[in-house]
PDB file of all heavy atoms in Angstrom:
ATOM      1  N   GLY A   1       0.779  -1.220   0.000  1.00  0.00           N
ATOM      2  CA  GLY A   1       0.000   0.000   0.000  1.00  0.00           C
ATOM      3  C   GLY A   1       0.815   1.276   0.000  1.00  0.00           C
ATOM      4  O   GLY A   1       0.242   2.373   0.039  1.00  0.00           O
ATOM      5  N   LYS A   2       2.118   1.161  -0.037  1.00  0.00           N
ATOM      6  CA  LYS A   2       2.981   2.331  -0.028  1.00  0.00           C
ATOM      7  C   LYS A   2       3.861   2.354  -1.271  1.00  0.00           C
ATOM      8  O   LYS A   2       4.074   1.338  -1.915  1.00  0.00           O
ATOM      9  CB  LYS A   2       3.850   2.360   1.221  1.00  0.00           C
ATOM     10  CG  LYS A   2       3.085   2.481   2.524  1.00  0.00           C
ATOM     11  CD  LYS A   2       4.028   2.581   3.708  1.00  0.00           C
ATOM     12  CE  LYS A   2       3.263   2.735   5.010  1.00  0.00           C
ATOM     13  NZ  LYS A   2       4.185   2.831   6.169  1.00  0.00           N
ATOM     14  N   GLU A   3       4.359   3.530  -1.585  1.00  0.00           N
ATOM     15  CA  GLU A   3       5.246   3.677  -2.727  1.00  0.00           C
ATOM     16  C   GLU A   3       6.643   3.186  -2.389  1.00  0.00           C
ATOM     17  O   GLU A   3       7.066   3.186  -1.236  1.00  0.00           O
ATOM     18  CB  GLU A   3       5.301   5.139  -3.178  1.00  0.00           C
ATOM     19  CG  GLU A   3       3.997   5.673  -3.726  1.00  0.00           C
ATOM     20  CD  GLU A   3       4.117   7.080  -4.260  1.00  0.00           C
ATOM     21  OE1 GLU A   3       5.130   7.748  -3.979  1.00  0.00           O
ATOM     22  OE2 GLU A   3       3.208   7.515  -4.976  1.00  0.00           O
ATOM     23  N   ARG A   4       7.343   2.777  -3.406  1.00  0.00           N
ATOM     24  CA  ARG A   4       8.724   2.369  -3.240  1.00  0.00           C
ATOM     25  C   ARG A   4       9.557   3.568  -2.823  1.00  0.00           C
ATOM     26  O   ARG A   4       9.370   4.681  -3.324  1.00  0.00           O
ATOM     27  CB  ARG A   4       9.249   1.795  -4.556  1.00  0.00           C
ATOM     28  CG  ARG A   4      10.664   1.257  -4.498  1.00  0.00           C
ATOM     29  CD  ARG A   4      11.083   0.790  -5.879  1.00  0.00           C
ATOM     30  NE  ARG A   4      11.152   1.896  -6.816  1.00  0.00           N
ATOM     31  CZ  ARG A   4      11.114   1.764  -8.142  1.00  0.00           C
ATOM     32  NH1 ARG A   4      10.988   0.564  -8.675  1.00  0.00           N
ATOM     33  NH2 ARG A   4      11.192   2.833  -8.915  1.00  0.00           N
ATOM     34  N   GLU A   5      10.474   3.357  -1.910  1.00  0.00           N
ATOM     35  CA  GLU A   5      11.326   4.439  -1.457  1.00  0.00           C
ATOM     36  C   GLU A   5      12.783   3.991  -1.405  1.00  0.00           C
ATOM     37  O   GLU A   5      13.087   2.835  -1.139  1.00  0.00           O
ATOM     38  CB  GLU A   5      10.891   4.946  -0.080  1.00  0.00           C
ATOM     39  CG  GLU A   5      11.025   3.927   1.035  1.00  0.00           C
ATOM     40  CD  GLU A   5      10.733   4.512   2.406  1.00  0.00           C
ATOM     41  OE1 GLU A   5      10.880   5.744   2.574  1.00  0.00           O
ATOM     42  OE2 GLU A   5      10.356   3.740   3.311  1.00  0.00           O
ATOM     43  N   GLY A   6      13.655   4.925  -1.639  1.00  0.00           N
ATOM     44  CA  GLY A   6      15.071   4.654  -1.529  1.00  0.00           C
ATOM     45  C   GLY A   6      15.489   4.666  -0.069  1.00  0.00           C
ATOM     46  O   GLY A   6      15.123   5.574   0.673  1.00  0.00           O
ATOM     47  N   VAL A   7      16.240   3.678   0.345  1.00  0.00           N
ATOM     48  CA  VAL A   7      16.691   3.548   1.721  1.00  0.00           C
ATOM     49  C   VAL A   7      18.125   4.035   1.884  1.00  0.00           C
ATOM     50  O   VAL A   7      18.431   4.835   2.765  1.00  0.00           O
ATOM     51  CB  VAL A   7      16.578   2.096   2.208  1.00  0.00           C
ATOM     52  CG1 VAL A   7      17.146   1.953   3.613  1.00  0.00           C
ATOM     53  CG2 VAL A   7      15.124   1.650   2.173  1.00  0.00           C
ATOM     54  N   ALA A   8      19.002   3.538   1.034  1.00  0.00           N
ATOM     55  CA  ALA A   8      20.413   3.894   1.115  1.00  0.00           C
ATOM     56  C   ALA A   8      21.064   3.738  -0.248  1.00  0.00           C
ATOM     57  O   ALA A   8      20.699   2.865  -1.019  1.00  0.00           O
ATOM     58  CB  ALA A   8      21.127   3.022   2.150  1.00  0.00           C
ATOM     59  N   TYR A   9      22.047   4.596  -0.494  1.00  0.00           N
ATOM     60  CA  TYR A   9      22.751   4.588  -1.771  1.00  0.00           C
ATOM     61  C   TYR A   9      24.250   4.651  -1.538  1.00  0.00           C
ATOM     62  O   TYR A   9      24.715   5.312  -0.606  1.00  0.00           O
ATOM     63  CB  TYR A   9      22.349   5.795  -2.628  1.00  0.00           C
ATOM     64  CG  TYR A   9      20.877   5.890  -2.940  1.00  0.00           C
ATOM     65  CD1 TYR A   9      19.995   6.496  -2.053  1.00  0.00           C
ATOM     66  CD2 TYR A   9      20.375   5.387  -4.141  1.00  0.00           C
ATOM     67  CE1 TYR A   9      18.640   6.589  -2.345  1.00  0.00           C
ATOM     68  CE2 TYR A   9      19.025   5.478  -4.431  1.00  0.00           C
ATOM     69  CZ  TYR A   9      18.159   6.081  -3.537  1.00  0.00           C
ATOM     70  OH  TYR A   9      16.817   6.173  -3.831  1.00  0.00           O
ATOM     71  N   ILE A  10      24.988   3.991  -2.412  1.00  0.00           N
ATOM     72  CA  ILE A  10      26.440   4.046  -2.347  1.00  0.00           C
ATOM     73  C   ILE A  10      26.978   4.107  -3.773  1.00  0.00           C
ATOM     74  O   ILE A  10      26.575   3.342  -4.641  1.00  0.00           O
ATOM     75  CB  ILE A  10      27.021   2.851  -1.565  1.00  0.00           C
ATOM     76  CG1 ILE A  10      28.533   2.983  -1.422  1.00  0.00           C
ATOM     77  CG2 ILE A  10      26.638   1.529  -2.217  1.00  0.00           C
ATOM     78  CD1 ILE A  10      29.120   2.007  -0.407  1.00  0.00           C
ATOM     79  N   SER A  11      27.890   5.032  -4.010  1.00  0.00           N
ATOM     80  CA  SER A  11      28.425   5.241  -5.345  1.00  0.00           C
ATOM     81  C   SER A  11      29.416   4.151  -5.729  1.00  0.00           C
ATOM     82  O   SER A  11      29.907   3.400  -4.886  1.00  0.00           O
ATOM     83  CB  SER A  11      29.085   6.614  -5.446  1.00  0.00           C
ATOM     84  OG  SER A  11      30.206   6.708  -4.584  1.00  0.00           O
ATOM     85  N   SER A  12      29.708   4.091  -7.007  1.00  0.00           N
ATOM     86  CA  SER A  12      30.609   3.062  -7.514  1.00  0.00           C
ATOM     87  C   SER A  12      31.986   3.125  -6.878  1.00  0.00           C
ATOM     88  O   SER A  12      32.637   2.090  -6.709  1.00  0.00           O
ATOM     89  CB  SER A  12      30.728   3.168  -9.036  1.00  0.00           C
ATOM     90  OG  SER A  12      31.206   4.442  -9.424  1.00  0.00           O
ATOM     91  N   HIS A  13      32.418   4.329  -6.526  1.00  0.00           N
ATOM     92  CA  HIS A  13      33.728   4.504  -5.911  1.00  0.00           C
ATOM     93  C   HIS A  13      33.670   4.460  -4.381  1.00  0.00           C
ATOM     94  O   HIS A  13      34.690   4.671  -3.724  1.00  0.00           O
ATOM     95  CB  HIS A  13      34.354   5.819  -6.365  1.00  0.00           C
ATOM     96  CG  HIS A  13      33.398   6.980  -6.395  1.00  0.00           C
ATOM     97  ND1 HIS A  13      32.744   7.428  -5.277  1.00  0.00           N
ATOM     98  CD2 HIS A  13      32.982   7.767  -7.421  1.00  0.00           C
ATOM     99  CE1 HIS A  13      31.968   8.449  -5.597  1.00  0.00           C
ATOM    100  NE2 HIS A  13      32.099   8.679  -6.896  1.00  0.00           N
ATOM    101  N   ASN A  14      32.491   4.217  -3.836  1.00  0.00           N
ATOM    102  CA  ASN A  14      32.269   4.084  -2.391  1.00  0.00           C
ATOM    103  C   ASN A  14      32.468   5.373  -1.609  1.00  0.00           C
ATOM    104  O   ASN A  14      32.497   5.345  -0.377  1.00  0.00           O
ATOM    105  CB  ASN A  14      33.166   3.001  -1.793  1.00  0.00           C
ATOM    106  CG  ASN A  14      32.815   1.611  -2.265  1.00  0.00           C
ATOM    107  OD1 ASN A  14      31.714   1.375  -2.770  1.00  0.00           O
ATOM    108  ND2 ASN A  14      33.739   0.683  -2.091  1.00  0.00           N
ATOM    109  N   ILE A  15      32.596   6.479  -2.308  1.00  0.00           N
ATOM    110  CA  ILE A  15      32.834   7.742  -1.633  1.00  0.00           C
ATOM    111  C   ILE A  15      31.537   8.407  -1.207  1.00  0.00           C
ATOM    112  O   ILE A  15      31.435   8.951  -0.104  1.00  0.00           O
ATOM    113  CB  ILE A  15      33.650   8.694  -2.527  1.00  0.00           C
ATOM    114  CG1 ILE A  15      35.046   8.117  -2.763  1.00  0.00           C
ATOM    115  CG2 ILE A  15      33.735  10.071  -1.895  1.00  0.00           C
ATOM    116  CD1 ILE A  15      35.900   8.945  -3.701  1.00  0.00           C
ATOM    117  N   THR A  16      30.543   8.373  -2.062  1.00  0.00           N
ATOM    118  CA  THR A  16      29.269   9.007  -1.766  1.00  0.00           C
ATOM    119  C   THR A  16      28.285   7.989  -1.209  1.00  0.00           C
ATOM    120  O   THR A  16      27.986   6.988  -1.863  1.00  0.00           O
ATOM    121  CB  THR A  16      28.670   9.664  -3.012  1.00  0.00           C
ATOM    122  OG1 THR A  16      29.586  10.634  -3.526  1.00  0.00           O
ATOM    123  CG2 THR A  16      27.360  10.357  -2.674  1.00  0.00           C
ATOM    124  N   ILE A  17      27.795   8.252  -0.018  1.00  0.00           N
ATOM    125  CA  ILE A  17      26.815   7.392   0.644  1.00  0.00           C
ATOM    126  C   ILE A  17      25.701   8.270   1.184  1.00  0.00           C
ATOM    127  O   ILE A  17      25.962   9.258   1.868  1.00  0.00           O
ATOM    128  CB  ILE A  17      27.448   6.591   1.786  1.00  0.00           C
ATOM    129  CG1 ILE A  17      28.545   5.657   1.250  1.00  0.00           C
ATOM    130  CG2 ILE A  17      26.380   5.790   2.529  1.00  0.00           C
ATOM    131  CD1 ILE A  17      29.290   4.905   2.328  1.00  0.00           C
ATOM    132  N   THR A  18      24.480   7.925   0.872  1.00  0.00           N
ATOM    133  CA  THR A  18      23.343   8.684   1.357  1.00  0.00           C
ATOM    134  C   THR A  18      22.293   7.748   1.935  1.00  0.00           C
ATOM    135  O   THR A  18      22.187   6.586   1.538  1.00  0.00           O
ATOM    136  CB  THR A  18      22.705   9.543   0.244  1.00  0.00           C
ATOM    137  OG1 THR A  18      22.202   8.686  -0.796  1.00  0.00           O
ATOM    138  CG2 THR A  18      23.729  10.498  -0.346  1.00  0.00           C
ATOM    139  N   TYR A  19      21.515   8.281   2.869  1.00  0.00           N
ATOM    140  CA  TYR A  19      20.461   7.519   3.516  1.00  0.00           C
ATOM    141  C   TYR A  19      19.174   8.318   3.572  1.00  0.00           C
ATOM    142  O   TYR A  19      19.192   9.550   3.634  1.00  0.00           O
ATOM    143  CB  TYR A  19      20.843   7.161   4.950  1.00  0.00           C
ATOM    144  CG  TYR A  19      22.058   6.287   5.090  1.00  0.00           C
ATOM    145  CD1 TYR A  19      23.315   6.848   5.283  1.00  0.00           C
ATOM    146  CD2 TYR A  19      21.942   4.902   5.036  1.00  0.00           C
ATOM    147  CE1 TYR A  19      24.438   6.042   5.421  1.00  0.00           C
ATOM    148  CE2 TYR A  19      23.056   4.096   5.178  1.00  0.00           C
ATOM    149  CZ  TYR A  19      24.299   4.672   5.364  1.00  0.00           C
ATOM    150  OH  TYR A  19      25.403   3.865   5.504  1.00  0.00           O
ATOM    151  N   ALA A  20      18.073   7.602   3.564  1.00  0.00           N
ATOM    152  CA  ALA A  20      16.808   8.247   3.836  1.00  0.00           C
ATOM    153  C   ALA A  20      16.811   8.722   5.282  1.00  0.00           C
ATOM    154  O   ALA A  20      17.401   8.078   6.152  1.00  0.00           O
ATOM    155  CB  ALA A  20      15.654   7.270   3.607  1.00  0.00           C
ATOM    156  N   ASP A  21      16.166   9.840   5.534  1.00  0.00           N
ATOM    157  CA  ASP A  21      16.141  10.382   6.887  1.00  0.00           C
ATOM    158  C   ASP A  21      15.568   9.383   7.892  1.00  0.00           C
ATOM    159  O   ASP A  21      15.984   9.355   9.053  1.00  0.00           O
ATOM    160  CB  ASP A  21      15.326  11.673   6.930  1.00  0.00           C
ATOM    161  CG  ASP A  21      16.025  12.830   6.259  1.00  0.00           C
ATOM    162  OD1 ASP A  21      17.260  12.780   6.086  1.00  0.00           O
ATOM    163  OD2 ASP A  21      15.337  13.809   5.908  1.00  0.00           O
ATOM    164  N   SER A  22      14.644   8.569   7.448  1.00  0.00           N
ATOM    165  CA  SER A  22      13.986   7.633   8.339  1.00  0.00           C
ATOM    166  C   SER A  22      14.899   6.525   8.853  1.00  0.00           C
ATOM    167  O   SER A  22      14.598   5.895   9.868  1.00  0.00           O
ATOM    168  CB  SER A  22      12.766   7.016   7.646  1.00  0.00           C
ATOM    169  OG  SER A  22      13.148   6.319   6.476  1.00  0.00           O
ATOM    170  N   VAL A  23      16.007   6.282   8.169  1.00  0.00           N
ATOM    171  CA  VAL A  23      16.906   5.205   8.574  1.00  0.00           C
ATOM    172  C   VAL A  23      18.282   5.699   8.974  1.00  0.00           C
ATOM    173  O   VAL A  23      19.111   4.901   9.442  1.00  0.00           O
ATOM    174  CB  VAL A  23      17.053   4.141   7.466  1.00  0.00           C
ATOM    175  CG1 VAL A  23      15.688   3.647   7.018  1.00  0.00           C
ATOM    176  CG2 VAL A  23      17.840   4.698   6.280  1.00  0.00           C
ATOM    177  N   LYS A  24      18.532   6.973   8.814  1.00  0.00           N
ATOM    178  CA  LYS A  24      19.836   7.538   9.121  1.00  0.00           C
ATOM    179  C   LYS A  24      20.201   7.298  10.585  1.00  0.00           C
ATOM    180  O   LYS A  24      19.403   7.542  11.485  1.00  0.00           O
ATOM    181  CB  LYS A  24      19.837   9.035   8.809  1.00  0.00           C
ATOM    182  CG  LYS A  24      21.207   9.678   8.810  1.00  0.00           C
ATOM    183  CD  LYS A  24      21.128  11.119   8.307  1.00  0.00           C
ATOM    184  CE  LYS A  24      20.631  11.185   6.874  1.00  0.00           C
ATOM    185  NZ  LYS A  24      20.583  12.581   6.358  1.00  0.00           N
ATOM    186  N   GLY A  25      21.396   6.799  10.784  1.00  0.00           N
ATOM    187  CA  GLY A  25      21.857   6.497  12.121  1.00  0.00           C
ATOM    188  C   GLY A  25      21.548   5.088  12.567  1.00  0.00           C
ATOM    189  O   GLY A  25      22.088   4.622  13.585  1.00  0.00           O
ATOM    190  N   ARG A  26      20.693   4.398  11.830  1.00  0.00           N
ATOM    191  CA  ARG A  26      20.313   3.032  12.186  1.00  0.00           C
ATOM    192  C   ARG A  26      20.790   2.011  11.155  1.00  0.00           C
ATOM    193  O   ARG A  26      21.110   0.882  11.514  1.00  0.00           O
ATOM    194  CB  ARG A  26      18.794   2.915  12.331  1.00  0.00           C
ATOM    195  CG  ARG A  26      18.208   3.807  13.409  1.00  0.00           C
ATOM    196  CD  ARG A  26      16.730   3.505  13.640  1.00  0.00           C
ATOM    197  NE  ARG A  26      15.924   3.783  12.451  1.00  0.00           N
ATOM    198  CZ  ARG A  26      15.213   2.867  11.788  1.00  0.00           C
ATOM    199  NH1 ARG A  26      15.213   1.598  12.201  1.00  0.00           N
ATOM    200  NH2 ARG A  26      14.489   3.203  10.723  1.00  0.00           N
ATOM    201  N   PHE A  27      20.804   2.403   9.898  1.00  0.00           N
ATOM    202  CA  PHE A  27      21.197   1.507   8.813  1.00  0.00           C
ATOM    203  C   PHE A  27      22.563   1.907   8.264  1.00  0.00           C
ATOM    204  O   PHE A  27      22.914   3.089   8.242  1.00  0.00           O
ATOM    205  CB  PHE A  27      20.188   1.555   7.663  1.00  0.00           C
ATOM    206  CG  PHE A  27      18.840   0.968   7.960  1.00  0.00           C
ATOM    207  CD1 PHE A  27      18.471   0.582   9.238  1.00  0.00           C
ATOM    208  CD2 PHE A  27      17.916   0.806   6.932  1.00  0.00           C
ATOM    209  CE1 PHE A  27      17.219   0.043   9.506  1.00  0.00           C
ATOM    210  CE2 PHE A  27      16.664   0.266   7.181  1.00  0.00           C
ATOM    211  CZ  PHE A  27      16.312  -0.111   8.460  1.00  0.00           C
ATOM    212  N   THR A  28      23.293   0.922   7.792  1.00  0.00           N
ATOM    213  CA  THR A  28      24.586   1.165   7.171  1.00  0.00           C
ATOM    214  C   THR A  28      24.702   0.358   5.890  1.00  0.00           C
ATOM    215  O   THR A  28      24.551  -0.864   5.909  1.00  0.00           O
ATOM    216  CB  THR A  28      25.749   0.787   8.105  1.00  0.00           C
ATOM    217  OG1 THR A  28      25.653   1.525   9.326  1.00  0.00           O
ATOM    218  CG2 THR A  28      27.078   1.108   7.438  1.00  0.00           C
ATOM    219  N   ILE A  29      24.960   1.043   4.793  1.00  0.00           N
ATOM    220  CA  ILE A  29      25.152   0.376   3.518  1.00  0.00           C
ATOM    221  C   ILE A  29      26.647   0.230   3.262  1.00  0.00           C
ATOM    222  O   ILE A  29      27.435   1.118   3.578  1.00  0.00           O
ATOM    223  CB  ILE A  29      24.475   1.154   2.367  1.00  0.00           C
ATOM    224  CG1 ILE A  29      24.517   0.351   1.056  1.00  0.00           C
ATOM    225  CG2 ILE A  29      25.110   2.527   2.185  1.00  0.00           C
ATOM    226  CD1 ILE A  29      23.692   0.973  -0.070  1.00  0.00           C
ATOM    227  N   SER A  30      27.029  -0.890   2.706  1.00  0.00           N
ATOM    228  CA  SER A  30      28.428  -1.115   2.389  1.00  0.00           C
ATOM    229  C   SER A  30      28.537  -1.990   1.154  1.00  0.00           C
ATOM    230  O   SER A  30      27.624  -2.754   0.832  1.00  0.00           O
ATOM    231  CB  SER A  30      29.180  -1.749   3.563  1.00  0.00           C
ATOM    232  OG  SER A  30      28.634  -3.011   3.898  1.00  0.00           O
ATOM    233  N   LYS A  31      29.645  -1.860   0.479  1.00  0.00           N
ATOM    234  CA  LYS A  31      29.874  -2.620  -0.742  1.00  0.00           C
ATOM    235  C   LYS A  31      31.256  -3.246  -0.705  1.00  0.00           C
ATOM    236  O   LYS A  31      32.240  -2.576  -0.401  1.00  0.00           O
ATOM    237  CB  LYS A  31      29.718  -1.688  -1.952  1.00  0.00           C
ATOM    238  CG  LYS A  31      29.895  -2.352  -3.297  1.00  0.00           C
ATOM    239  CD  LYS A  31      29.449  -1.428  -4.430  1.00  0.00           C
ATOM    240  CE  LYS A  31      30.267  -0.157  -4.491  1.00  0.00           C
ATOM    241  NZ  LYS A  31      29.850   0.702  -5.636  1.00  0.00           N
ATOM    242  N   ASP A  32      31.309  -4.515  -1.011  1.00  0.00           N
ATOM    243  CA  ASP A  32      32.561  -5.241  -1.095  1.00  0.00           C
ATOM    244  C   ASP A  32      32.769  -5.584  -2.560  1.00  0.00           C
ATOM    245  O   ASP A  32      32.246  -6.583  -3.054  1.00  0.00           O
ATOM    246  CB  ASP A  32      32.524  -6.500  -0.237  1.00  0.00           C
ATOM    247  CG  ASP A  32      33.856  -7.214  -0.186  1.00  0.00           C
ATOM    248  OD1 ASP A  32      34.704  -6.990  -1.066  1.00  0.00           O
ATOM    249  OD2 ASP A  32      34.057  -8.014   0.748  1.00  0.00           O
ATOM    250  N   SER A  33      33.518  -4.745  -3.253  1.00  0.00           N
ATOM    251  CA  SER A  33      33.710  -4.940  -4.683  1.00  0.00           C
ATOM    252  C   SER A  33      34.472  -6.223  -4.994  1.00  0.00           C
ATOM    253  O   SER A  33      34.243  -6.844  -6.030  1.00  0.00           O
ATOM    254  CB  SER A  33      34.442  -3.737  -5.280  1.00  0.00           C
ATOM    255  OG  SER A  33      33.652  -2.570  -5.183  1.00  0.00           O
ATOM    256  N   ALA A  34      35.374  -6.611  -4.103  1.00  0.00           N
ATOM    257  CA  ALA A  34      36.147  -7.825  -4.313  1.00  0.00           C
ATOM    258  C   ALA A  34      35.250  -9.056  -4.328  1.00  0.00           C
ATOM    259  O   ALA A  34      35.468  -9.985  -5.103  1.00  0.00           O
ATOM    260  CB  ALA A  34      37.225  -7.961  -3.246  1.00  0.00           C
ATOM    261  N   GLN A  35      34.246  -9.066  -3.461  1.00  0.00           N
ATOM    262  CA  GLN A  35      33.309 -10.175  -3.389  1.00  0.00           C
ATOM    263  C   GLN A  35      32.056  -9.928  -4.220  1.00  0.00           C
ATOM    264  O   GLN A  35      31.209 -10.810  -4.338  1.00  0.00           O
ATOM    265  CB  GLN A  35      32.917 -10.439  -1.936  1.00  0.00           C
ATOM    266  CG  GLN A  35      34.072 -10.847  -1.042  1.00  0.00           C
ATOM    267  CD  GLN A  35      34.674 -12.170  -1.464  1.00  0.00           C
ATOM    268  OE1 GLN A  35      33.963 -13.091  -1.871  1.00  0.00           O
ATOM    269  NE2 GLN A  35      35.987 -12.270  -1.379  1.00  0.00           N
ATOM    270  N   ASN A  36      31.954  -8.729  -4.760  1.00  0.00           N
ATOM    271  CA  ASN A  36      30.798  -8.341  -5.560  1.00  0.00           C
ATOM    272  C   ASN A  36      29.492  -8.493  -4.777  1.00  0.00           C
ATOM    273  O   ASN A  36      28.503  -9.051  -5.262  1.00  0.00           O
ATOM    274  CB  ASN A  36      30.732  -9.145  -6.857  1.00  0.00           C
ATOM    275  CG  ASN A  36      30.518  -8.265  -8.075  1.00  0.00           C
ATOM    276  OD1 ASN A  36      30.994  -7.129  -8.135  1.00  0.00           O
ATOM    277  ND2 ASN A  36      29.804  -8.781  -9.069  1.00  0.00           N
ATOM    278  N   THR A  37      29.523  -7.995  -3.551  1.00  0.00           N
ATOM    279  CA  THR A  37      28.345  -8.060  -2.701  1.00  0.00           C
ATOM    280  C   THR A  37      28.030  -6.692  -2.103  1.00  0.00           C
ATOM    281  O   THR A  37      28.922  -5.891  -1.846  1.00  0.00           O
ATOM    282  CB  THR A  37      28.514  -9.070  -1.556  1.00  0.00           C
ATOM    283  OG1 THR A  37      29.664  -8.724  -0.776  1.00  0.00           O
ATOM    284  CG2 THR A  37      28.682 -10.475  -2.106  1.00  0.00           C
TER     285      THR A  37
END
């Protein structure tokens, strides 16, 4: 019943990371390029 929303984003170079205000401070996004995860 709700619209899709972005939770967290991470750039290809891992430098830019952004979070939705609703999850900021609680969620952490990370990328392991070596493991492709």
